Amino acid sequence: MGPIGRSELKQLAKKYLNGTATPEEKELLNQWYDTIHDGDQLEVVSAEDSETDVKMRIYENLHSEIINQKLKDNAMPGNRSASIIKMIRWSAAAAVVFLFVGIAWYANKLVGKTAASGSEQVTLTTQKITKLTLADGSSVWLNAHTTFKYPNSFKGKLREVQLIEGRAFFDVKHESEHPFVVKTKTLNITVLGTSFDVRTSAKEGMTKVNVITGKVGITRPGHANEPAVMLLPKQEIVLNKMANQFVKGVTPDQVINLWCKSPLVFDQENLDNVFKAIEKQYNTHIQVADKALLNERISITLGNQRLDTIMEILSFTKHFNYKIANDSTVVIK
């Protein structure tokens, strides 16, 4: 068969998802599935639905087909083997269509190309503390609800990444010929090889840099004539967007990267302090209606898990109800 065009493939996917595909169209989908391993048909099928909606609709269609097929097989036992094979192949083809739909939906949000370098740029938004190893061997720890952009490979003189929102701790591999640059909306941080922490918040209008090892140079985009501010270990700098000024200070290095190095460990700690630690670690805000709950104590170790998982554990242990109102607020009733 000739290659299926992008438009036709999209229509096939939609018909299958809507449960309106004819046997002939299902067979065409089956034939397309056979050809995709050649590489020429690896076109992404876009969809307006969310990934969850697509997944649910495919599940419902497959579940319905399985039930119907079982009824037919019971009525006509001799056809069981062939019909099951067809059903499995349709399921496999549907899974691939879902994969492509999912990739399209996901890629629209996360993946892009840079025209200058031609290297693929990945934009990641985290739901929990996440460690990345970059192409040069540098390590990055991203806090929950952090948006970070980085290339799959570094090209050119500079190793550039972008912290769009949130918090990240960097342990940069030393390369004297290729400075490492972290760009935020308000600051550019340039290093050769060092470890440092960066926080940037559009809501608070603040960007903060803390240094543990090495030397860091800070500049502001659009201020070419402004000299770089140099930071040494145990030094920090805060840029307040409203005041439009730097504030330089000193911070003990042991507290800078605690959030990404250690799990949440509590020994007979009151929930007030537990919630405060969770707020810092997950960049969230916890509202408690019953203030008496804050005085209750708990001994527990909470590892590197999603925020909703941690809240589920705590609510079960201390018998309270909660809801996550949005990505940055937990309401406890």
C-alpha atoms as a PDB file:
ATOM      1  CA  MET A   1       0.000   0.000   0.000  1.00  0.00           C
ATOM      2  CA  GLY A   2       1.115   3.561  -0.539  1.00  0.00           C
ATOM      3  CA  PRO A   3       2.011   5.753   2.427  1.00  0.00           C
ATOM      4  CA  ILE A   4      -0.892   7.173   4.390  1.00  0.00           C
ATOM      5  CA  GLY A   5      -0.871  10.945   4.424  1.00  0.00           C
ATOM      6  CA  ARG A   6      -0.876  12.948   7.616  1.00  0.00           C
ATOM      7  CA  SER A   7      -4.450  14.140   7.073  1.00  0.00           C
ATOM      8  CA  GLU A   8      -5.776  10.653   6.324  1.00  0.00           C
ATOM      9  CA  LEU A   9      -3.973   9.175   9.312  1.00  0.00           C
ATOM     10  CA  LYS A  10      -5.436  11.873  11.525  1.00  0.00           C
ATOM     11  CA  GLN A  11      -8.946  11.037  10.292  1.00  0.00           C
ATOM     12  CA  LEU A  12      -8.372   7.323  10.891  1.00  0.00           C
ATOM     13  CA  ALA A  13      -7.240   8.050  14.427  1.00  0.00           C
ATOM     14  CA  LYS A  14     -10.255  10.247  15.102  1.00  0.00           C
ATOM     15  CA  LYS A  15     -12.668   7.647  13.719  1.00  0.00           C
ATOM     16  CA  TYR A  16     -11.135   4.899  15.800  1.00  0.00           C
ATOM     17  CA  LEU A  17     -11.237   7.054  18.925  1.00  0.00           C
ATOM     18  CA  ASN A  18     -14.879   7.923  18.239  1.00  0.00           C
ATOM     19  CA  GLY A  19     -15.789   4.290  17.614  1.00  0.00           C
ATOM     20  CA  THR A  20     -16.941   4.979  14.046  1.00  0.00           C
ATOM     21  CA  ALA A  21     -14.163   3.244  12.099  1.00  0.00           C
ATOM     22  CA  THR A  22     -15.390   0.657   9.578  1.00  0.00           C
ATOM     23  CA  PRO A  23     -13.769  -2.789   9.267  1.00  0.00           C
ATOM     24  CA  GLU A  24     -12.024  -1.535   6.118  1.00  0.00           C
ATOM     25  CA  GLU A  25     -10.652   1.489   7.973  1.00  0.00           C
ATOM     26  CA  LYS A  26      -9.508  -0.719  10.836  1.00  0.00           C
ATOM     27  CA  GLU A  27      -7.717  -2.901   8.310  1.00  0.00           C
ATOM     28  CA  LEU A  28      -6.074   0.202   6.836  1.00  0.00           C
ATOM     29  CA  LEU A  29      -4.962   1.134  10.332  1.00  0.00           C
ATOM     30  CA  ASN A  30      -3.609  -2.392  10.695  1.00  0.00           C
ATOM     31  CA  GLN A  31      -1.640  -2.068   7.444  1.00  0.00           C
ATOM     32  CA  TRP A  32      -0.259   1.291   8.540  1.00  0.00           C
ATOM     33  CA  TYR A  33       0.888  -0.332  11.774  1.00  0.00           C
ATOM     34  CA  ASP A  34       2.822  -2.890   9.706  1.00  0.00           C
ATOM     35  CA  THR A  35       4.652  -0.155   7.786  1.00  0.00           C
ATOM     36  CA  ILE A  36       5.643   2.256  10.548  1.00  0.00           C
ATOM     37  CA  HIS A  37       8.703   0.237  11.492  1.00  0.00           C
ATOM     38  CA  ASP A  38      10.217   1.221   8.129  1.00  0.00           C
ATOM     39  CA  GLY A  39      10.628   4.717   9.530  1.00  0.00           C
ATOM     40  CA  ASP A  40       8.954   6.634   6.692  1.00  0.00           C
ATOM     41  CA  GLN A  41       5.547   6.703   8.355  1.00  0.00           C
ATOM     42  CA  LEU A  42       6.634   8.089  11.691  1.00  0.00           C
ATOM     43  CA  GLU A  43       4.486  11.182  11.423  1.00  0.00           C
ATOM     44  CA  VAL A  44       2.885  12.556  14.538  1.00  0.00           C
ATOM     45  CA  VAL A  45      -0.887  12.572  14.687  1.00  0.00           C
ATOM     46  CA  SER A  46      -2.094  15.702  16.402  1.00  0.00           C
ATOM     47  CA  ALA A  47      -5.248  15.893  18.501  1.00  0.00           C
ATOM     48  CA  GLU A  48      -7.175  18.644  20.206  1.00  0.00           C
ATOM     49  CA  ASP A  49      -7.943  16.449  23.198  1.00  0.00           C
ATOM     50  CA  SER A  50      -5.769  16.173  26.260  1.00  0.00           C
ATOM     51  CA  GLU A  51      -3.641  13.074  26.720  1.00  0.00           C
ATOM     52  CA  THR A  52      -5.949  11.830  29.491  1.00  0.00           C
ATOM     53  CA  ASP A  53      -9.042  12.210  27.289  1.00  0.00           C
ATOM     54  CA  VAL A  54      -7.392  10.342  24.432  1.00  0.00           C
ATOM     55  CA  LYS A  55      -6.249   7.542  26.706  1.00  0.00           C
ATOM     56  CA  MET A  56      -9.706   7.133  28.237  1.00  0.00           C
ATOM     57  CA  ARG A  57     -11.446   7.067  24.871  1.00  0.00           C
ATOM     58  CA  ILE A  58      -9.047   4.450  23.511  1.00  0.00           C
ATOM     59  CA  TYR A  59      -9.513   2.354  26.630  1.00  0.00           C
ATOM     60  CA  GLU A  60     -13.295   2.540  26.283  1.00  0.00           C
ATOM     61  CA  ASN A  61     -13.122   1.566  22.602  1.00  0.00           C
ATOM     62  CA  LEU A  62     -10.788  -1.354  23.222  1.00  0.00           C
ATOM     63  CA  HIS A  63     -12.838  -2.529  26.191  1.00  0.00           C
ATOM     64  CA  SER A  64     -16.010  -2.422  24.089  1.00  0.00           C
ATOM     65  CA  GLU A  65     -14.329  -4.291  21.242  1.00  0.00           C
ATOM     66  CA  ILE A  66     -13.030  -6.983  23.581  1.00  0.00           C
ATOM     67  CA  ILE A  67     -16.502  -7.570  25.046  1.00  0.00           C
ATOM     68  CA  ASN A  68     -18.131  -7.653  21.615  1.00  0.00           C
ATOM     69  CA  GLN A  69     -15.458  -9.962  20.292  1.00  0.00           C
ATOM     70  CA  LYS A  70     -15.905 -12.357  23.203  1.00  0.00           C
ATOM     71  CA  LEU A  71     -19.638 -12.513  22.498  1.00  0.00           C
ATOM     72  CA  LYS A  72     -18.956 -13.272  18.838  1.00  0.00           C
ATOM     73  CA  ASP A  73     -16.331 -15.875  19.729  1.00  0.00           C
ATOM     74  CA  ASN A  74     -18.724 -17.641  22.079  1.00  0.00           C
ATOM     75  CA  ALA A  75     -21.275 -17.798  19.272  1.00  0.00           C
ATOM     76  CA  MET A  76     -18.749 -18.938  16.661  1.00  0.00           C
ATOM     77  CA  PRO A  77     -15.902 -20.839  18.394  1.00  0.00           C
ATOM     78  CA  GLY A  78     -14.210 -21.713  15.126  1.00  0.00           C
ATOM     79  CA  ASN A  79     -13.368 -18.084  14.420  1.00  0.00           C
ATOM     80  CA  ARG A  80     -11.867 -17.437  17.838  1.00  0.00           C
ATOM     81  CA  SER A  81      -8.180 -17.586  16.902  1.00  0.00           C
ATOM     82  CA  ALA A  82      -8.401 -15.325  13.852  1.00  0.00           C
ATOM     83  CA  SER A  83     -10.646 -12.798  15.556  1.00  0.00           C
ATOM     84  CA  ILE A  84      -8.420 -12.558  18.611  1.00  0.00           C
ATOM     85  CA  ILE A  85      -5.385 -11.978  16.398  1.00  0.00           C
ATOM     86  CA  LYS A  86      -7.211  -9.172  14.592  1.00  0.00           C
ATOM     87  CA  MET A  87      -8.314  -7.653  17.876  1.00  0.00           C
ATOM     88  CA  ILE A  88      -4.765  -7.744  19.234  1.00  0.00           C
ATOM     89  CA  ARG A  89      -3.388  -6.133  16.078  1.00  0.00           C
ATOM     90  CA  TRP A  90      -6.051  -3.391  16.172  1.00  0.00           C
ATOM     91  CA  SER A  91      -5.187  -2.864  19.813  1.00  0.00           C
ATOM     92  CA  ALA A  92      -1.496  -2.621  18.970  1.00  0.00           C
ATOM     93  CA  ALA A  93      -2.187  -0.199  16.130  1.00  0.00           C
ATOM     94  CA  ALA A  94      -4.418   1.865  18.394  1.00  0.00           C
ATOM     95  CA  ALA A  95      -1.686   1.892  21.013  1.00  0.00           C
ATOM     96  CA  VAL A  96       0.757   3.250  18.443  1.00  0.00           C
ATOM     97  CA  VAL A  97      -1.765   5.863  17.318  1.00  0.00           C
ATOM     98  CA  PHE A  98      -2.202   6.807  20.965  1.00  0.00           C
ATOM     99  CA  LEU A  99       1.557   6.990  21.351  1.00  0.00           C
ATOM    100  CA  PHE A 100       1.798   9.387  18.415  1.00  0.00           C
ATOM    101  CA  VAL A 101      -1.183  11.400  19.631  1.00  0.00           C
ATOM    102  CA  GLY A 102       0.414  11.511  23.058  1.00  0.00           C
ATOM    103  CA  ILE A 103       3.749  12.555  21.605  1.00  0.00           C
ATOM    104  CA  ALA A 104       2.085  15.338  19.648  1.00  0.00           C
ATOM    105  CA  TRP A 105       0.146  16.547  22.671  1.00  0.00           C
ATOM    106  CA  TYR A 106       3.210  16.292  24.910  1.00  0.00           C
ATOM    107  CA  ALA A 107       5.627  17.741  22.373  1.00  0.00           C
ATOM    108  CA  ASN A 108       3.455  20.788  21.803  1.00  0.00           C
ATOM    109  CA  LYS A 109       4.081  21.617  25.441  1.00  0.00           C
ATOM    110  CA  LEU A 110       7.629  20.398  25.997  1.00  0.00           C
ATOM    111  CA  VAL A 111       9.811  20.088  22.904  1.00  0.00           C
ATOM    112  CA  GLY A 112      11.075  22.643  20.393  1.00  0.00           C
ATOM    113  CA  LYS A 113      13.933  23.342  17.991  1.00  0.00           C
ATOM    114  CA  THR A 114      16.414  26.206  18.117  1.00  0.00           C
ATOM    115  CA  ALA A 115      17.071  27.694  14.703  1.00  0.00           C
ATOM    116  CA  ALA A 116      20.538  28.964  15.590  1.00  0.00           C
ATOM    117  CA  SER A 117      22.153  25.738  16.734  1.00  0.00           C
ATOM    118  CA  GLY A 118      19.808  23.142  15.266  1.00  0.00           C
ATOM    119  CA  SER A 119      19.985  21.206  18.545  1.00  0.00           C
ATOM    120  CA  GLU A 120      16.833  19.877  20.135  1.00  0.00           C
ATOM    121  CA  GLN A 121      15.689  21.827  23.171  1.00  0.00           C
ATOM    122  CA  VAL A 122      13.691  20.047  25.859  1.00  0.00           C
ATOM    123  CA  THR A 123      11.493  22.106  28.170  1.00  0.00           C
ATOM    124  CA  LEU A 124      10.626  20.159  31.308  1.00  0.00           C
ATOM    125  CA  THR A 125       8.064  21.087  33.971  1.00  0.00           C
ATOM    126  CA  THR A 126       8.479  18.919  37.062  1.00  0.00           C
ATOM    127  CA  GLN A 127       5.877  17.557  39.474  1.00  0.00           C
ATOM    128  CA  LYS A 128       8.425  16.426  42.055  1.00  0.00           C
ATOM    129  CA  ILE A 129      12.137  16.846  42.767  1.00  0.00           C
ATOM    130  CA  THR A 130      13.930  15.588  39.665  1.00  0.00           C
ATOM    131  CA  LYS A 131      17.605  15.012  38.919  1.00  0.00           C
ATOM    132  CA  LEU A 132      18.940  15.470  35.382  1.00  0.00           C
ATOM    133  CA  THR A 133      22.337  14.669  33.902  1.00  0.00           C
ATOM    134  CA  LEU A 134      23.100  17.028  31.028  1.00  0.00           C
ATOM    135  CA  ALA A 135      25.039  16.148  27.878  1.00  0.00           C
ATOM    136  CA  ASP A 136      28.299  17.521  29.325  1.00  0.00           C
ATOM    137  CA  GLY A 137      27.992  15.431  32.510  1.00  0.00           C
ATOM    138  CA  SER A 138      26.744  18.299  34.682  1.00  0.00           C
ATOM    139  CA  SER A 139      24.012  17.449  37.207  1.00  0.00           C
ATOM    140  CA  VAL A 140      20.871  19.489  37.822  1.00  0.00           C
ATOM    141  CA  TRP A 141      18.312  18.986  40.586  1.00  0.00           C
ATOM    142  CA  LEU A 142      14.939  20.576  39.810  1.00  0.00           C
ATOM    143  CA  ASN A 143      12.450  21.381  42.548  1.00  0.00           C
ATOM    144  CA  ALA A 144       8.765  20.561  42.124  1.00  0.00           C
ATOM    145  CA  HIS A 145       6.845  22.890  39.774  1.00  0.00           C
ATOM    146  CA  THR A 146      10.047  24.054  38.081  1.00  0.00           C
ATOM    147  CA  THR A 147      10.263  24.750  34.350  1.00  0.00           C
ATOM    148  CA  PHE A 148      13.705  24.178  32.845  1.00  0.00           C
ATOM    149  CA  LYS A 149      14.937  24.260  29.254  1.00  0.00           C
ATOM    150  CA  TYR A 150      18.100  22.485  28.091  1.00  0.00           C
ATOM    151  CA  PRO A 151      19.603  21.047  24.876  1.00  0.00           C
ATOM    152  CA  ASN A 152      20.132  17.358  24.160  1.00  0.00           C
ATOM    153  CA  SER A 153      23.686  18.289  23.151  1.00  0.00           C
ATOM    154  CA  PHE A 154      25.793  21.407  23.632  1.00  0.00           C
ATOM    155  CA  LYS A 155      27.106  23.090  20.485  1.00  0.00           C
ATOM    156  CA  GLY A 156      29.296  26.149  20.151  1.00  0.00           C
ATOM    157  CA  LYS A 157      31.383  27.943  22.745  1.00  0.00           C
ATOM    158  CA  LEU A 158      28.730  28.306  25.444  1.00  0.00           C
ATOM    159  CA  ARG A 159      26.804  25.638  27.327  1.00  0.00           C
ATOM    160  CA  GLU A 160      23.463  27.411  27.720  1.00  0.00           C
ATOM    161  CA  VAL A 161      20.383  26.352  29.685  1.00  0.00           C
ATOM    162  CA  GLN A 162      17.339  28.304  30.834  1.00  0.00           C
ATOM    163  CA  LEU A 163      15.573  28.305  34.209  1.00  0.00           C
ATOM    164  CA  ILE A 164      12.162  29.666  33.260  1.00  0.00           C
ATOM    165  CA  GLU A 165      10.447  29.334  36.638  1.00  0.00           C
ATOM    166  CA  GLY A 166      11.163  27.602  39.945  1.00  0.00           C
ATOM    167  CA  ARG A 167      14.302  26.368  41.657  1.00  0.00           C
ATOM    168  CA  ALA A 168      17.334  24.375  40.521  1.00  0.00           C
ATOM    169  CA  PHE A 169      20.635  23.278  42.024  1.00  0.00           C
ATOM    170  CA  PHE A 170      23.545  22.914  39.581  1.00  0.00           C
ATOM    171  CA  ASP A 171      26.722  20.866  39.909  1.00  0.00           C
ATOM    172  CA  VAL A 172      28.566  21.936  36.752  1.00  0.00           C
ATOM    173  CA  LYS A 173      31.353  19.931  35.148  1.00  0.00           C
ATOM    174  CA  HIS A 174      34.436  22.084  34.604  1.00  0.00           C
ATOM    175  CA  GLU A 175      35.223  22.966  30.973  1.00  0.00           C
ATOM    176  CA  SER A 176      37.504  25.992  30.745  1.00  0.00           C
ATOM    177  CA  GLU A 177      36.857  26.476  27.015  1.00  0.00           C
ATOM    178  CA  HIS A 178      33.068  26.257  27.333  1.00  0.00           C
ATOM    179  CA  PRO A 179      31.489  28.464  30.015  1.00  0.00           C
ATOM    180  CA  PHE A 180      28.195  27.230  31.455  1.00  0.00           C
ATOM    181  CA  VAL A 181      25.399  29.830  31.339  1.00  0.00           C
ATOM    182  CA  VAL A 182      22.075  29.682  33.181  1.00  0.00           C
ATOM    183  CA  LYS A 183      19.589  32.201  31.821  1.00  0.00           C
ATOM    184  CA  THR A 184      16.579  33.472  33.749  1.00  0.00           C
ATOM    185  CA  LYS A 185      14.213  36.266  32.782  1.00  0.00           C
ATOM    186  CA  THR A 186      16.159  38.737  34.926  1.00  0.00           C
ATOM    187  CA  LEU A 187      19.681  37.306  35.347  1.00  0.00           C
ATOM    188  CA  ASN A 188      22.383  35.457  33.438  1.00  0.00           C
ATOM    189  CA  ILE A 189      24.666  33.262  35.562  1.00  0.00           C
ATOM    190  CA  THR A 190      28.023  32.300  34.013  1.00  0.00           C
ATOM    191  CA  VAL A 191      30.402  29.673  35.450  1.00  0.00           C
ATOM    192  CA  LEU A 192      33.200  27.376  34.318  1.00  0.00           C
ATOM    193  CA  GLY A 193      32.700  24.605  36.865  1.00  0.00           C
ATOM    194  CA  THR A 194      30.982  25.070  40.202  1.00  0.00           C
ATOM    195  CA  SER A 195      27.925  24.252  42.297  1.00  0.00           C
ATOM    196  CA  PHE A 196      25.200  26.776  42.976  1.00  0.00           C
ATOM    197  CA  ASP A 197      21.473  27.210  43.585  1.00  0.00           C
ATOM    198  CA  VAL A 198      19.097  29.402  41.560  1.00  0.00           C
ATOM    199  CA  ARG A 199      15.527  30.403  42.391  1.00  0.00           C
ATOM    200  CA  THR A 200      13.339  32.531  40.158  1.00  0.00           C
ATOM    201  CA  SER A 201       9.698  33.427  40.739  1.00  0.00           C
ATOM    202  CA  ALA A 202       7.585  35.599  38.459  1.00  0.00           C
ATOM    203  CA  LYS A 203       4.907  35.786  41.161  1.00  0.00           C
ATOM    204  CA  GLU A 204       7.338  37.134  43.761  1.00  0.00           C
ATOM    205  CA  GLY A 205       9.326  39.175  41.220  1.00  0.00           C
ATOM    206  CA  MET A 206      12.539  37.750  42.632  1.00  0.00           C
ATOM    207  CA  THR A 207      15.613  35.845  41.445  1.00  0.00           C
ATOM    208  CA  LYS A 208      18.150  34.485  43.944  1.00  0.00           C
ATOM    209  CA  VAL A 209      21.543  32.824  43.431  1.00  0.00           C
ATOM    210  CA  ASN A 210      23.552  31.002  46.129  1.00  0.00           C
ATOM    211  CA  VAL A 211      27.068  29.636  45.574  1.00  0.00           C
ATOM    212  CA  ILE A 212      28.557  26.573  47.286  1.00  0.00           C
ATOM    213  CA  THR A 213      31.793  26.031  45.331  1.00  0.00           C
ATOM    214  CA  GLY A 214      33.702  27.916  42.640  1.00  0.00           C
ATOM    215  CA  LYS A 215      33.023  31.393  41.288  1.00  0.00           C
ATOM    216  CA  VAL A 216      29.885  32.720  39.608  1.00  0.00           C
ATOM    217  CA  GLY A 217      29.438  35.814  37.449  1.00  0.00           C
ATOM    218  CA  ILE A 218      26.042  37.549  37.424  1.00  0.00           C
ATOM    219  CA  THR A 219      24.855  39.873  34.655  1.00  0.00           C
ATOM    220  CA  ARG A 220      21.491  41.278  33.635  1.00  0.00           C
ATOM    221  CA  PRO A 221      20.052  40.920  30.116  1.00  0.00           C
ATOM    222  CA  GLY A 222      19.908  44.287  28.378  1.00  0.00           C
ATOM    223  CA  HIS A 223      22.585  45.828  30.651  1.00  0.00           C
ATOM    224  CA  ALA A 224      25.707  45.284  28.536  1.00  0.00           C
ATOM    225  CA  ASN A 225      27.577  48.194  30.133  1.00  0.00           C
ATOM    226  CA  GLU A 226      26.897  47.017  33.678  1.00  0.00           C
ATOM    227  CA  PRO A 227      29.855  45.144  35.251  1.00  0.00           C
ATOM    228  CA  ALA A 228      29.332  41.535  36.300  1.00  0.00           C
ATOM    229  CA  VAL A 229      28.734  40.840  39.986  1.00  0.00           C
ATOM    230  CA  MET A 230      31.058  38.066  41.176  1.00  0.00           C
ATOM    231  CA  LEU A 231      29.964  35.570  43.830  1.00  0.00           C
ATOM    232  CA  LEU A 232      32.230  33.285  45.855  1.00  0.00           C
ATOM    233  CA  PRO A 233      31.311  30.268  48.037  1.00  0.00           C
ATOM    234  CA  LYS A 234      28.754  31.024  50.803  1.00  0.00           C
ATOM    235  CA  GLN A 235      27.705  34.215  49.038  1.00  0.00           C
ATOM    236  CA  GLU A 236      24.287  34.971  47.602  1.00  0.00           C
ATOM    237  CA  ILE A 237      22.629  37.654  45.546  1.00  0.00           C
ATOM    238  CA  VAL A 238      18.962  38.593  45.261  1.00  0.00           C
ATOM    239  CA  LEU A 239      17.489  40.663  42.453  1.00  0.00           C
ATOM    240  CA  ASN A 240      14.179  42.290  43.333  1.00  0.00           C
ATOM    241  CA  LYS A 241      12.400  43.127  40.099  1.00  0.00           C
ATOM    242  CA  MET A 242      10.268  45.873  41.662  1.00  0.00           C
ATOM    243  CA  ALA A 243      13.233  47.634  43.273  1.00  0.00           C
ATOM    244  CA  ASN A 244      15.433  46.791  40.259  1.00  0.00           C
ATOM    245  CA  GLN A 245      18.488  46.315  42.462  1.00  0.00           C
ATOM    246  CA  PHE A 246      20.895  43.631  43.702  1.00  0.00           C
ATOM    247  CA  VAL A 247      21.220  42.682  47.360  1.00  0.00           C
ATOM    248  CA  LYS A 248      24.358  40.702  48.172  1.00  0.00           C
ATOM    249  CA  GLY A 249      24.637  38.576  51.301  1.00  0.00           C
ATOM    250  CA  VAL A 250      26.100  35.484  52.987  1.00  0.00           C
ATOM    251  CA  THR A 251      24.456  32.067  53.419  1.00  0.00           C
ATOM    252  CA  PRO A 252      25.847  28.924  55.134  1.00  0.00           C
ATOM    253  CA  ASP A 253      26.375  26.417  52.327  1.00  0.00           C
ATOM    254  CA  GLN A 254      24.868  23.515  54.277  1.00  0.00           C
ATOM    255  CA  VAL A 255      21.359  24.951  53.948  1.00  0.00           C
ATOM    256  CA  ILE A 256      21.518  25.855  50.258  1.00  0.00           C
ATOM    257  CA  ASN A 257      21.063  22.436  48.691  1.00  0.00           C
ATOM    258  CA  LEU A 258      19.374  20.637  51.595  1.00  0.00           C
ATOM    259  CA  TRP A 259      16.118  20.550  49.662  1.00  0.00           C
ATOM    260  CA  CYS A 260      17.547  18.378  46.880  1.00  0.00           C
ATOM    261  CA  LYS A 261      19.981  16.222  48.854  1.00  0.00           C
ATOM    262  CA  SER A 262      17.950  14.983  51.826  1.00  0.00           C
ATOM    263  CA  PRO A 263      14.567  13.304  52.236  1.00  0.00           C
ATOM    264  CA  LEU A 264      11.956  14.720  54.577  1.00  0.00           C
ATOM    265  CA  VAL A 265      12.768  13.068  57.910  1.00  0.00           C
ATOM    266  CA  PHE A 266      10.807  13.958  61.063  1.00  0.00           C
ATOM    267  CA  ASP A 267      11.145  12.693  64.634  1.00  0.00           C
ATOM    268  CA  GLN A 268       8.217  13.724  66.834  1.00  0.00           C
ATOM    269  CA  GLU A 269       7.905  16.952  64.873  1.00  0.00           C
ATOM    270  CA  ASN A 270       4.742  19.046  64.979  1.00  0.00           C
ATOM    271  CA  LEU A 271       2.748  19.289  61.764  1.00  0.00           C
ATOM    272  CA  ASP A 272       3.314  23.030  61.611  1.00  0.00           C
ATOM    273  CA  ASN A 273       7.020  22.445  60.935  1.00  0.00           C
ATOM    274  CA  VAL A 274       6.290  19.441  58.723  1.00  0.00           C
ATOM    275  CA  PHE A 275       4.024  21.525  56.497  1.00  0.00           C
ATOM    276  CA  LYS A 276       6.585  24.337  56.367  1.00  0.00           C
ATOM    277  CA  ALA A 277       9.262  21.879  55.228  1.00  0.00           C
ATOM    278  CA  ILE A 278       6.929  20.498  52.564  1.00  0.00           C
ATOM    279  CA  GLU A 279       6.152  24.033  51.384  1.00  0.00           C
ATOM    280  CA  LYS A 280       9.861  24.735  50.905  1.00  0.00           C
ATOM    281  CA  GLN A 281      10.671  21.406  49.303  1.00  0.00           C
ATOM    282  CA  TYR A 282       7.752  21.392  46.871  1.00  0.00           C
ATOM    283  CA  ASN A 283       7.476  25.131  46.289  1.00  0.00           C
ATOM    284  CA  THR A 284       3.867  25.035  47.444  1.00  0.00           C
ATOM    285  CA  HIS A 285       1.564  26.738  49.959  1.00  0.00           C
ATOM    286  CA  ILE A 286      -0.424  24.802  52.576  1.00  0.00           C
ATOM    287  CA  GLN A 287      -3.565  26.321  54.101  1.00  0.00           C
ATOM    288  CA  VAL A 288      -4.846  24.737  57.336  1.00  0.00           C
ATOM    289  CA  ALA A 289      -8.357  25.556  58.551  1.00  0.00           C
ATOM    290  CA  ASP A 290      -8.073  23.717  61.893  1.00  0.00           C
ATOM    291  CA  LYS A 291      -5.091  25.336  63.624  1.00  0.00           C
ATOM    292  CA  ALA A 292      -5.141  22.679  66.359  1.00  0.00           C
ATOM    293  CA  LEU A 293      -3.901  20.208  63.755  1.00  0.00           C
ATOM    294  CA  LEU A 294      -0.611  22.110  63.558  1.00  0.00           C
ATOM    295  CA  ASN A 295       0.278  21.073  67.116  1.00  0.00           C
ATOM    296  CA  GLU A 296      -0.015  17.342  66.459  1.00  0.00           C
ATOM    297  CA  ARG A 297       3.300  15.511  66.264  1.00  0.00           C
ATOM    298  CA  ILE A 298       4.536  12.859  63.881  1.00  0.00           C
ATOM    299  CA  SER A 299       7.580  10.652  63.300  1.00  0.00           C
ATOM    300  CA  ILE A 300       7.889   9.802  59.628  1.00  0.00           C
ATOM    301  CA  THR A 301      10.316   9.634  56.714  1.00  0.00           C
ATOM    302  CA  LEU A 302       8.996  10.955  53.411  1.00  0.00           C
ATOM    303  CA  GLY A 303      11.153  10.207  50.387  1.00  0.00           C
ATOM    304  CA  ASN A 304      11.343  11.830  46.979  1.00  0.00           C
ATOM    305  CA  GLN A 305       7.692  11.399  46.050  1.00  0.00           C
ATOM    306  CA  ARG A 306       5.015  13.462  44.356  1.00  0.00           C
ATOM    307  CA  LEU A 307       3.292  16.090  46.469  1.00  0.00           C
ATOM    308  CA  ASP A 308      -0.094  14.374  46.167  1.00  0.00           C
ATOM    309  CA  THR A 309       1.435  11.090  47.374  1.00  0.00           C
ATOM    310  CA  ILE A 310       2.970  12.772  50.418  1.00  0.00           C
ATOM    311  CA  MET A 311      -0.299  14.504  51.288  1.00  0.00           C
ATOM    312  CA  GLU A 312      -2.160  11.204  50.934  1.00  0.00           C
ATOM    313  CA  ILE A 313       0.252   9.556  53.391  1.00  0.00           C
ATOM    314  CA  LEU A 314      -0.043  12.386  55.917  1.00  0.00           C
ATOM    315  CA  SER A 315      -3.839  12.636  55.632  1.00  0.00           C
ATOM    316  CA  PHE A 316      -4.205   8.894  56.217  1.00  0.00           C
ATOM    317  CA  THR A 317      -1.806   8.980  59.178  1.00  0.00           C
ATOM    318  CA  LYS A 318      -3.233  12.066  60.901  1.00  0.00           C
ATOM    319  CA  HIS A 319      -6.873  11.696  59.764  1.00  0.00           C
ATOM    320  CA  PHE A 320      -7.505  14.941  57.903  1.00  0.00           C
ATOM    321  CA  ASN A 321      -9.029  15.801  54.535  1.00  0.00           C
ATOM    322  CA  TYR A 322      -7.256  17.853  51.907  1.00  0.00           C
ATOM    323  CA  LYS A 323      -7.436  18.986  48.312  1.00  0.00           C
ATOM    324  CA  ILE A 324      -4.825  20.375  45.957  1.00  0.00           C
ATOM    325  CA  ALA A 325      -6.543  23.538  44.749  1.00  0.00           C
ATOM    326  CA  ASN A 326      -3.975  24.233  42.045  1.00  0.00           C
ATOM    327  CA  ASP A 327      -0.357  23.452  41.306  1.00  0.00           C
ATOM    328  CA  SER A 328       0.880  25.541  44.225  1.00  0.00           C
ATOM    329  CA  THR A 329      -1.781  25.425  46.967  1.00  0.00           C
ATOM    330  CA  VAL A 330      -2.885  22.609  49.298  1.00  0.00           C
ATOM    331  CA  VAL A 331      -6.037  23.193  51.353  1.00  0.00           C
ATOM    332  CA  ILE A 332      -6.439  21.098  54.534  1.00  0.00           C
ATOM    333  CA  LYS A 333      -9.901  20.953  56.101  1.00  0.00           C
END
